[in-house]
Amino acid sequence: MVTLSVVFVVTILLGVPVAFCLGLAGVAFILVSERMPFNILPTLMFGGIDSFPLMAIPFFIMAGDLMTRCGVLPRLVDLADSIVGHLKGGLAYVNILASMFFAGVTGVAVADTAAIGSMLVPSMIKQGYTRGFSAVVTAASSIMGPIIPPSVAMLIYAYVYGGGISVAKLFLLGAVPGCIIGFGMMGLVYVMSFKGRFPISSSGFSFRSMAKRTVAAIPGLMVPIIILGGIIGGIFTPTEAGAVAVTYALIIGVFLTRRLRLRDIAECFLVSCKTSAVVFMLLATAKVVSWILTTHQVPQMVAQSFLKYTSSPQVFLVLAIVFLMLLGFVLEAVATMIMLIPVFGPVAQTFGVEPHHFGLLVVMTVQVALITPPVALGLFIVCPIAKCSIEEAARGIWPFLLLVFGVILLVAFWPGVTAWLPRLFGY
């Protein structure tokens, strides 16, 4: 295990991509081990990605990209603007509410950050918001992307955990905390509006305008309804739901908005392939490491180490949350999940933590990596759009970070906050 750990840490410090760090660590361990044949490596790597449910990942990524290209996002932004745009600090509210709407379309945080950031950040700066605040609101609100269903991160958790996980239940569990985070961020903006000189829109609230924009936004609002409704109703599996979402996005883009061209579809395929390839490479190399850890009973040893100090599930959850958040300072969210679920999953079972509840906490916690430097992928995406430094944006991120941490602890200590919705649908 020393060889595995040393190679992984050294390659991480050298700036090697995480997928290759995991692969090199696994290869190094096999080379120094006398009991493991080297030809087991391709078998393990292929086994890590040879799964029908994993096809849902490129489908959901493709569906989100297609919906962005076919003009659905501007309609969702217009709807958000008609609801909250008239308030003081209206564009900040619009940014957060649009992120909530778009989270139900893509399920990928970085897609939300890039799409909404490119649309709203220049307008916010033009209206008088500071560049740092515009970047912070956009990056922080994108955390809801993988929490509000559908969610690519939850699909990854369901696969890596290894059976017994209902994707539909995971999706339903994420709806309530995702909305709590969204409305909580709006509350923060409201409090900040007393101290900051937030602009007020000249246009007032109009019910007629809101109704008109709601009708226009129906194609986008239908995406989570179709996906969740189909999965919960047993009409199709999560993988088939992804394919249905792609088909629906193509129909909307080609026949309704008429903004999709063959060139756009080809570019969407390329983007989806590149994004999915990163995830699949991580899954393949992580399979090697997780197999090594499992065969050497590392999860059992970790569980015993925890049990020496506490037998409380709540204490374990707090320690796991803190560890995941600290790791998020140096690693990206998906990499953290793929690395640690094979270890922490069995430990959570030992403490009697319900797997779906634990999965929700993991997905929520690792998303914090989007806004915690030095990784802070969300800030790295939106800061060039806002033309501000990472340091300037990072100074204003802490209230949003504390809010998300508070919601995570709320879900950890009071599972009933989220469990009532899956229970309502029979899960």
Protein backbone atom coordinates (compact mmCIF):
# COMPACT_ATOMS: atom_id res chain seq x y z
CA MET A 1 0.00 0.00 0.00
CA VAL A 2 2.97 2.34 0.58
CA THR A 3 3.97 2.10 -3.10
CA LEU A 4 0.42 2.83 -4.21
CA SER A 5 0.11 5.87 -1.93
CA VAL A 6 3.53 7.33 -2.71
CA VAL A 7 3.14 7.08 -6.50
CA PHE A 8 -0.34 8.61 -6.37
CA VAL A 9 0.68 11.54 -4.13
CA VAL A 10 3.85 12.28 -6.10
CA THR A 11 2.06 12.28 -9.47
CA ILE A 12 -0.72 14.50 -8.06
CA LEU A 13 1.88 16.99 -6.81
CA LEU A 14 3.52 16.94 -10.24
CA GLY A 15 0.21 18.00 -11.82
CA VAL A 16 -0.50 14.72 -13.64
CA PRO A 17 -4.23 14.25 -14.47
CA VAL A 18 -5.98 12.23 -11.77
CA ALA A 19 -6.94 9.38 -14.11
CA PHE A 20 -3.28 8.78 -14.94
CA CYS A 21 -2.29 9.21 -11.28
CA LEU A 22 -4.61 6.34 -10.39
CA GLY A 23 -3.40 4.23 -13.31
CA LEU A 24 0.29 4.77 -12.57
CA ALA A 25 -0.26 4.01 -8.88
CA GLY A 26 -2.03 0.77 -9.77
CA VAL A 27 0.66 -0.24 -12.27
CA ALA A 28 3.44 0.51 -9.75
CA PHE A 29 1.74 -1.64 -7.11
CA ILE A 30 1.28 -4.57 -9.51
CA LEU A 31 4.92 -4.34 -10.65
CA VAL A 32 6.31 -4.54 -7.11
CA SER A 33 3.84 -7.20 -6.06
CA GLU A 34 4.95 -10.78 -6.60
CA ARG A 35 1.44 -12.23 -6.41
CA MET A 36 -0.30 -10.16 -9.09
CA PRO A 37 0.21 -10.85 -12.81
CA PHE A 38 0.59 -7.73 -14.96
CA ASN A 39 -1.86 -9.04 -17.56
CA ILE A 40 -4.70 -8.50 -15.07
CA LEU A 41 -4.47 -4.73 -15.74
CA PRO A 42 -6.43 -4.55 -19.05
CA THR A 43 -9.05 -6.93 -17.68
CA LEU A 44 -9.65 -4.70 -14.67
CA MET A 45 -9.67 -1.48 -16.69
CA PHE A 46 -12.12 -2.80 -19.26
CA GLY A 47 -14.25 -4.25 -16.49
CA GLY A 48 -14.44 -0.80 -14.93
CA ILE A 49 -16.28 0.63 -17.93
CA ASP A 50 -18.02 -2.43 -19.40
CA SER A 51 -21.46 -1.65 -18.01
CA PHE A 52 -24.76 -0.86 -19.71
CA PRO A 53 -25.89 1.66 -17.01
CA LEU A 54 -22.78 3.76 -17.70
CA MET A 55 -24.16 4.57 -21.16
CA ALA A 56 -26.51 6.96 -19.38
CA ILE A 57 -23.57 9.32 -18.73
CA PRO A 58 -22.83 10.30 -22.38
CA PHE A 59 -26.57 10.40 -23.09
CA PHE A 60 -27.27 12.91 -20.30
CA ILE A 61 -24.23 15.01 -21.23
CA MET A 62 -25.36 15.04 -24.86
CA ALA A 63 -28.95 15.91 -23.94
CA GLY A 64 -27.82 18.87 -21.85
CA ASP A 65 -25.54 20.17 -24.61
CA LEU A 66 -28.28 19.79 -27.23
CA MET A 67 -30.80 21.65 -25.06
CA THR A 68 -28.30 24.49 -24.67
CA ARG A 69 -27.68 24.67 -28.41
CA CYS A 70 -31.36 24.57 -29.37
CA GLY A 71 -32.17 27.77 -27.49
CA VAL A 72 -33.91 26.39 -24.41
CA LEU A 73 -31.59 28.11 -21.90
CA PRO A 74 -32.49 31.70 -22.92
CA ARG A 75 -36.17 30.84 -22.42
CA LEU A 76 -35.45 29.51 -18.93
CA VAL A 77 -33.49 32.68 -18.15
CA ASP A 78 -36.39 34.80 -19.43
CA LEU A 79 -38.77 32.87 -17.19
CA ALA A 80 -36.52 33.41 -14.18
CA ASP A 81 -36.29 37.10 -15.05
CA SER A 82 -40.09 37.44 -15.19
CA ILE A 83 -40.37 35.90 -11.70
CA VAL A 84 -37.62 37.66 -9.73
CA GLY A 85 -36.00 40.15 -12.11
CA HIS A 86 -38.00 43.10 -10.73
CA LEU A 87 -36.49 42.79 -7.23
CA LYS A 88 -33.47 44.71 -5.94
CA GLY A 89 -30.49 42.68 -7.09
CA GLY A 90 -32.79 41.06 -9.63
CA LEU A 91 -30.14 39.68 -11.98
CA ALA A 92 -28.44 37.90 -9.08
CA TYR A 93 -31.78 36.22 -8.26
CA VAL A 94 -32.26 35.44 -11.94
CA ASN A 95 -28.81 33.83 -12.06
CA ILE A 96 -29.63 31.51 -9.14
CA LEU A 97 -33.15 30.65 -10.32
CA ALA A 98 -31.90 30.00 -13.86
CA SER A 99 -29.31 27.63 -12.40
CA MET A 100 -32.11 25.77 -10.60
CA PHE A 101 -34.07 25.45 -13.85
CA PHE A 102 -31.03 24.47 -15.89
CA ALA A 103 -29.94 21.91 -13.29
CA GLY A 104 -33.07 19.98 -14.22
CA VAL A 105 -31.89 19.90 -17.83
CA THR A 106 -28.15 19.10 -17.77
CA GLY A 107 -27.16 17.44 -14.48
CA VAL A 108 -23.58 18.69 -14.96
CA ALA A 109 -22.30 21.63 -12.89
CA VAL A 110 -19.60 22.87 -15.28
CA ALA A 111 -22.14 23.01 -18.12
CA ASP A 112 -24.38 25.22 -15.97
CA THR A 113 -21.46 27.48 -15.05
CA ALA A 114 -20.32 27.98 -18.63
CA ALA A 115 -23.77 28.40 -20.18
CA ILE A 116 -25.34 30.69 -17.57
CA GLY A 117 -22.09 32.55 -16.99
CA SER A 118 -21.73 33.46 -20.66
CA MET A 119 -25.34 34.71 -20.75
CA LEU A 120 -25.74 36.56 -17.45
CA VAL A 121 -22.31 37.64 -16.16
CA PRO A 122 -21.74 40.34 -18.85
CA SER A 123 -25.25 41.69 -18.20
CA MET A 124 -24.66 41.74 -14.44
CA ILE A 125 -21.41 43.67 -14.82
CA LYS A 126 -23.08 46.10 -17.23
CA GLN A 127 -25.84 46.76 -14.68
CA GLY A 128 -23.30 47.61 -11.96
CA TYR A 129 -22.56 44.38 -10.09
CA THR A 130 -18.90 43.87 -9.24
CA ARG A 131 -17.01 41.40 -11.38
CA GLY A 132 -16.10 39.26 -8.38
CA PHE A 133 -19.69 39.03 -7.12
CA SER A 134 -21.00 38.16 -10.61
CA ALA A 135 -18.49 35.32 -10.85
CA VAL A 136 -19.19 34.08 -7.32
CA VAL A 137 -22.98 33.91 -7.74
CA THR A 138 -22.65 32.04 -11.03
CA ALA A 139 -20.10 29.51 -9.76
CA ALA A 140 -21.84 28.94 -6.41
CA SER A 141 -25.29 28.42 -7.91
CA SER A 142 -23.93 25.83 -10.35
CA ILE A 143 -23.44 23.51 -7.37
CA MET A 144 -27.15 22.68 -7.74
CA GLY A 145 -26.51 21.12 -11.18
CA PRO A 146 -25.54 17.63 -9.93
CA ILE A 147 -27.92 17.77 -6.93
CA ILE A 148 -31.24 18.65 -8.56
CA PRO A 149 -32.25 15.70 -10.78
CA PRO A 150 -31.23 14.46 -13.26
CA SER A 151 -27.63 14.11 -12.09
CA VAL A 152 -24.61 12.57 -13.79
CA ALA A 153 -22.81 12.47 -10.41
CA MET A 154 -25.59 10.33 -8.94
CA LEU A 155 -25.34 7.94 -11.88
CA ILE A 156 -21.61 7.58 -11.18
CA TYR A 157 -22.26 6.97 -7.47
CA ALA A 158 -24.87 4.31 -8.25
CA TYR A 159 -22.41 2.47 -10.48
CA VAL A 160 -19.29 2.80 -8.32
CA TYR A 161 -21.16 1.82 -5.15
CA GLY A 162 -21.84 -1.49 -6.84
CA GLY A 163 -25.48 -2.60 -6.68
CA GLY A 164 -28.54 -2.14 -4.54
CA ILE A 165 -28.84 1.54 -5.46
CA SER A 166 -32.01 2.94 -7.05
CA VAL A 167 -31.18 5.83 -9.36
CA ALA A 168 -34.77 7.05 -9.15
CA LYS A 169 -34.58 7.24 -5.35
CA LEU A 170 -31.26 9.08 -5.54
CA PHE A 171 -32.73 11.57 -7.99
CA LEU A 172 -35.75 12.19 -5.76
CA LEU A 173 -33.53 12.62 -2.69
CA GLY A 174 -31.62 15.40 -4.42
CA ALA A 175 -34.65 17.54 -5.30
CA VAL A 176 -35.33 19.00 -1.85
CA PRO A 177 -31.75 19.88 -0.75
CA GLY A 178 -31.07 21.31 -4.21
CA CYS A 179 -34.03 23.66 -3.83
CA ILE A 180 -33.01 24.53 -0.24
CA ILE A 181 -29.56 25.54 -1.50
CA GLY A 182 -31.10 27.64 -4.28
CA PHE A 183 -33.55 29.49 -2.05
CA GLY A 184 -30.85 29.83 0.63
CA MET A 185 -28.57 31.55 -1.89
CA MET A 186 -31.41 33.90 -2.79
CA GLY A 187 -31.69 34.67 0.94
CA LEU A 188 -27.97 35.50 1.01
CA VAL A 189 -28.38 37.84 -1.95
CA TYR A 190 -31.30 39.51 -0.15
CA VAL A 191 -29.16 40.10 2.95
CA MET A 192 -26.24 41.34 0.83
CA SER A 193 -28.54 43.76 -1.00
CA PHE A 194 -28.81 45.85 2.20
CA LYS A 195 -25.04 46.38 2.27
CA GLY A 196 -24.26 46.47 -1.43
CA ARG A 197 -25.59 48.87 -4.03
CA PHE A 198 -27.44 46.30 -6.06
CA PRO A 199 -29.30 47.70 -9.07
CA ILE A 200 -33.08 47.58 -9.42
CA SER A 201 -34.67 46.72 -12.73
CA SER A 202 -36.89 49.42 -14.23
CA SER A 203 -39.46 46.85 -15.35
CA GLY A 204 -41.94 45.76 -12.71
CA PHE A 205 -43.59 42.41 -12.17
CA SER A 206 -46.15 41.37 -14.79
CA PHE A 207 -48.25 38.26 -14.39
CA ARG A 208 -49.06 38.32 -18.09
CA SER A 209 -45.35 38.42 -18.99
CA MET A 210 -44.60 35.56 -16.57
CA ALA A 211 -47.40 33.42 -18.04
CA LYS A 212 -46.18 34.09 -21.57
CA ARG A 213 -42.59 33.20 -20.71
CA THR A 214 -43.71 30.09 -18.80
CA VAL A 215 -45.39 28.80 -21.95
CA ALA A 216 -42.23 29.54 -23.95
CA ALA A 217 -40.09 27.70 -21.37
CA ILE A 218 -42.27 24.55 -21.27
CA PRO A 219 -39.95 22.56 -23.61
CA GLY A 220 -37.08 23.03 -21.14
CA LEU A 221 -39.20 22.49 -18.04
CA MET A 222 -40.46 19.21 -19.46
CA VAL A 223 -37.02 17.58 -19.48
CA PRO A 224 -36.85 16.64 -15.76
CA ILE A 225 -40.53 15.68 -15.84
CA ILE A 226 -39.98 13.27 -18.74
CA ILE A 227 -36.82 11.77 -17.24
CA LEU A 228 -38.07 11.42 -13.66
CA GLY A 229 -41.58 10.46 -14.68
CA GLY A 230 -40.33 7.74 -16.99
CA ILE A 231 -37.90 6.28 -14.46
CA ILE A 232 -40.30 6.43 -11.50
CA GLY A 233 -43.17 5.09 -13.58
CA GLY A 234 -41.06 2.14 -14.73
CA ILE A 235 -41.41 3.14 -18.37
CA PHE A 236 -37.66 3.15 -18.98
CA THR A 237 -34.35 2.64 -17.18
CA PRO A 238 -31.97 5.54 -16.40
CA THR A 239 -29.91 4.64 -19.47
CA GLU A 240 -33.00 4.61 -21.66
CA ALA A 241 -34.06 7.88 -20.02
CA GLY A 242 -30.83 9.45 -21.26
CA ALA A 243 -31.54 8.24 -24.81
CA VAL A 244 -35.11 9.58 -24.57
CA ALA A 245 -33.75 12.94 -23.38
CA VAL A 246 -31.41 13.10 -26.39
CA THR A 247 -34.27 12.26 -28.76
CA TYR A 248 -36.49 14.88 -27.12
CA ALA A 249 -33.73 17.52 -27.38
CA LEU A 250 -33.26 16.71 -31.09
CA ILE A 251 -37.00 17.05 -31.74
CA ILE A 252 -37.12 20.39 -29.91
CA GLY A 253 -34.04 21.74 -31.67
CA VAL A 254 -34.89 20.56 -35.18
CA PHE A 255 -38.66 21.00 -35.34
CA LEU A 256 -39.67 23.49 -32.62
CA THR A 257 -36.89 26.07 -32.23
CA ARG A 258 -35.27 25.11 -35.57
CA ARG A 259 -31.86 26.14 -34.29
CA LEU A 260 -30.09 22.78 -34.54
CA ARG A 261 -28.09 22.10 -37.68
CA LEU A 262 -26.11 19.03 -38.67
CA ARG A 263 -22.94 20.89 -37.74
CA ASP A 264 -24.31 21.58 -34.23
CA ILE A 265 -25.25 17.93 -33.76
CA ALA A 266 -21.78 16.82 -34.88
CA GLU A 267 -20.12 19.26 -32.48
CA CYS A 268 -22.40 18.04 -29.69
CA PHE A 269 -21.33 14.44 -30.34
CA LEU A 270 -17.67 15.50 -30.17
CA VAL A 271 -18.11 17.46 -26.92
CA SER A 272 -20.06 14.60 -25.34
CA CYS A 273 -17.39 12.09 -26.38
CA LYS A 274 -14.57 14.19 -24.90
CA THR A 275 -16.39 14.81 -21.61
CA SER A 276 -17.47 11.19 -21.28
CA ALA A 277 -13.96 9.96 -22.11
CA VAL A 278 -12.58 11.79 -19.07
CA VAL A 279 -15.13 10.11 -16.79
CA PHE A 280 -14.62 6.67 -18.34
CA MET A 281 -10.84 6.94 -18.08
CA LEU A 282 -11.25 7.73 -14.39
CA LEU A 283 -13.58 4.78 -13.94
CA ALA A 284 -11.18 2.43 -15.72
CA THR A 285 -8.07 3.35 -13.71
CA ALA A 286 -10.03 3.66 -10.46
CA LYS A 287 -11.23 0.09 -10.96
CA VAL A 288 -7.62 -1.09 -10.74
CA VAL A 289 -7.01 0.80 -7.50
CA SER A 290 -10.35 -0.19 -5.94
CA TRP A 291 -9.66 -3.86 -6.77
CA ILE A 292 -6.26 -3.62 -5.07
CA LEU A 293 -7.80 -1.95 -2.02
CA THR A 294 -10.62 -4.50 -1.82
CA THR A 295 -8.37 -7.54 -2.18
CA HIS A 296 -6.17 -6.19 0.61
CA GLN A 297 -9.23 -5.48 2.81
CA VAL A 298 -8.51 -1.77 3.10
CA PRO A 299 -12.22 -0.82 3.54
CA GLN A 300 -12.47 -3.24 6.48
CA MET A 301 -9.33 -1.77 8.05
CA VAL A 302 -10.67 1.75 7.61
CA ALA A 303 -13.96 0.71 9.21
CA GLN A 304 -12.14 -0.79 12.16
CA SER A 305 -10.10 2.41 12.55
CA PHE A 306 -13.28 4.47 12.69
CA LEU A 307 -14.92 2.06 15.12
CA LYS A 308 -11.99 2.43 17.53
CA TYR A 309 -12.92 6.08 18.06
CA THR A 310 -16.69 6.14 17.63
CA SER A 311 -19.73 3.95 17.08
CA SER A 312 -21.99 6.88 16.17
CA PRO A 313 -23.20 7.07 12.54
CA GLN A 314 -23.55 10.85 12.88
CA VAL A 315 -19.93 11.26 13.96
CA PHE A 316 -18.81 9.07 11.06
CA LEU A 317 -20.85 11.16 8.61
CA VAL A 318 -19.36 14.41 9.91
CA LEU A 319 -15.82 13.00 9.64
CA ALA A 320 -16.54 11.71 6.11
CA ILE A 321 -18.02 15.09 5.06
CA VAL A 322 -15.04 17.02 6.44
CA PHE A 323 -12.59 14.64 4.73
CA LEU A 324 -14.40 14.91 1.38
CA MET A 325 -14.48 18.69 1.62
CA LEU A 326 -10.77 18.89 2.44
CA LEU A 327 -9.97 16.59 -0.47
CA GLY A 328 -12.04 18.90 -2.67
CA PHE A 329 -9.41 21.60 -2.19
CA VAL A 330 -6.99 19.56 -4.33
CA LEU A 331 -9.13 17.15 -6.37
CA GLU A 332 -12.07 17.50 -8.76
CA ALA A 333 -15.49 16.20 -7.68
CA VAL A 334 -15.82 13.16 -9.97
CA ALA A 335 -12.29 11.99 -9.19
CA THR A 336 -12.96 12.25 -5.45
CA MET A 337 -16.14 10.17 -5.77
CA ILE A 338 -14.60 7.44 -7.89
CA MET A 339 -11.60 7.14 -5.57
CA LEU A 340 -13.35 7.12 -2.20
CA ILE A 341 -16.76 5.47 -2.69
CA PRO A 342 -15.21 1.96 -2.83
CA VAL A 343 -13.58 2.72 0.55
CA PHE A 344 -16.22 4.79 2.35
CA GLY A 345 -19.21 2.86 1.00
CA PRO A 346 -18.51 -0.34 3.00
CA VAL A 347 -17.58 1.74 6.05
CA ALA A 348 -20.94 3.54 5.86
CA GLN A 349 -22.65 0.14 5.74
CA THR A 350 -20.76 -0.89 8.87
CA PHE A 351 -22.16 2.15 10.67
CA GLY A 352 -25.66 1.39 9.41
CA VAL A 353 -25.93 4.45 7.16
CA GLU A 354 -28.58 4.00 4.45
CA PRO A 355 -26.72 3.82 1.07
CA HIS A 356 -28.95 6.32 -0.74
CA HIS A 357 -28.68 8.82 2.08
CA PHE A 358 -24.92 8.40 2.09
CA GLY A 359 -24.85 8.80 -1.71
CA LEU A 360 -26.74 12.09 -1.51
CA LEU A 361 -24.28 13.41 1.09
CA VAL A 362 -21.30 12.35 -1.02
CA VAL A 363 -22.69 13.99 -4.16
CA MET A 364 -23.51 17.21 -2.30
CA THR A 365 -20.17 17.39 -0.51
CA VAL A 366 -17.88 16.78 -3.47
CA GLN A 367 -19.58 19.58 -5.43
CA VAL A 368 -18.02 22.07 -3.01
CA ALA A 369 -14.77 21.47 -4.92
CA LEU A 370 -16.27 23.67 -7.67
CA ILE A 371 -15.77 26.78 -5.55
CA THR A 372 -12.87 25.95 -3.22
CA PRO A 373 -9.43 27.06 -4.50
CA PRO A 374 -6.91 26.00 -5.64
CA VAL A 375 -8.94 23.59 -7.85
CA ALA A 376 -12.23 25.59 -7.96
CA LEU A 377 -13.19 24.47 -11.47
CA GLY A 378 -16.35 26.58 -11.40
CA LEU A 379 -14.37 29.75 -10.62
CA PHE A 380 -11.79 28.93 -13.29
CA ILE A 381 -14.61 28.72 -15.86
CA VAL A 382 -16.49 31.88 -14.91
CA CYS A 383 -13.67 34.24 -13.88
CA PRO A 384 -12.37 34.70 -17.45
CA ILE A 385 -15.95 35.52 -18.50
CA ALA A 386 -16.19 38.10 -15.69
CA LYS A 387 -12.61 39.28 -16.38
CA CYS A 388 -11.62 39.06 -12.73
CA SER A 389 -8.97 37.12 -10.83
CA ILE A 390 -9.58 33.90 -8.93
CA GLU A 391 -8.40 35.68 -5.77
CA GLU A 392 -11.00 38.43 -6.19
CA ALA A 393 -13.81 35.92 -6.60
CA ALA A 394 -12.56 33.65 -3.81
CA ARG A 395 -12.85 36.49 -1.28
CA GLY A 396 -16.62 36.55 -1.72
CA ILE A 397 -17.27 32.81 -1.87
CA TRP A 398 -17.32 32.09 1.87
CA PRO A 399 -20.96 32.97 2.67
CA PHE A 400 -22.13 30.65 -0.12
CA LEU A 401 -19.69 27.95 0.98
CA LEU A 402 -20.95 28.11 4.57
CA LEU A 403 -24.55 27.91 3.35
CA VAL A 404 -23.86 24.74 1.35
CA PHE A 405 -21.99 23.21 4.29
CA GLY A 406 -24.94 24.02 6.55
CA VAL A 407 -27.39 22.31 4.19
CA ILE A 408 -25.12 19.25 4.02
CA LEU A 409 -25.10 19.00 7.82
CA LEU A 410 -28.89 19.48 7.88
CA VAL A 411 -29.33 16.52 5.52
CA ALA A 412 -26.78 14.45 7.49
CA PHE A 413 -28.48 14.89 10.88
CA TRP A 414 -32.10 15.02 9.71
CA PRO A 415 -32.54 12.56 6.82
CA GLY A 416 -36.30 13.11 6.96
CA VAL A 417 -35.77 16.51 5.32
CA THR A 418 -35.14 14.69 2.04
CA ALA A 419 -36.55 11.18 2.61
CA TRP A 420 -40.22 12.23 2.50
CA LEU A 421 -40.20 12.81 -1.27
CA PRO A 422 -38.95 9.32 -2.31
CA ARG A 423 -41.30 7.84 0.30
CA LEU A 424 -44.17 9.72 -1.36
CA PHE A 425 -43.42 7.87 -4.59
CA GLY A 426 -43.07 4.49 -2.88
CA TYR A 427 -39.29 4.32 -2.39
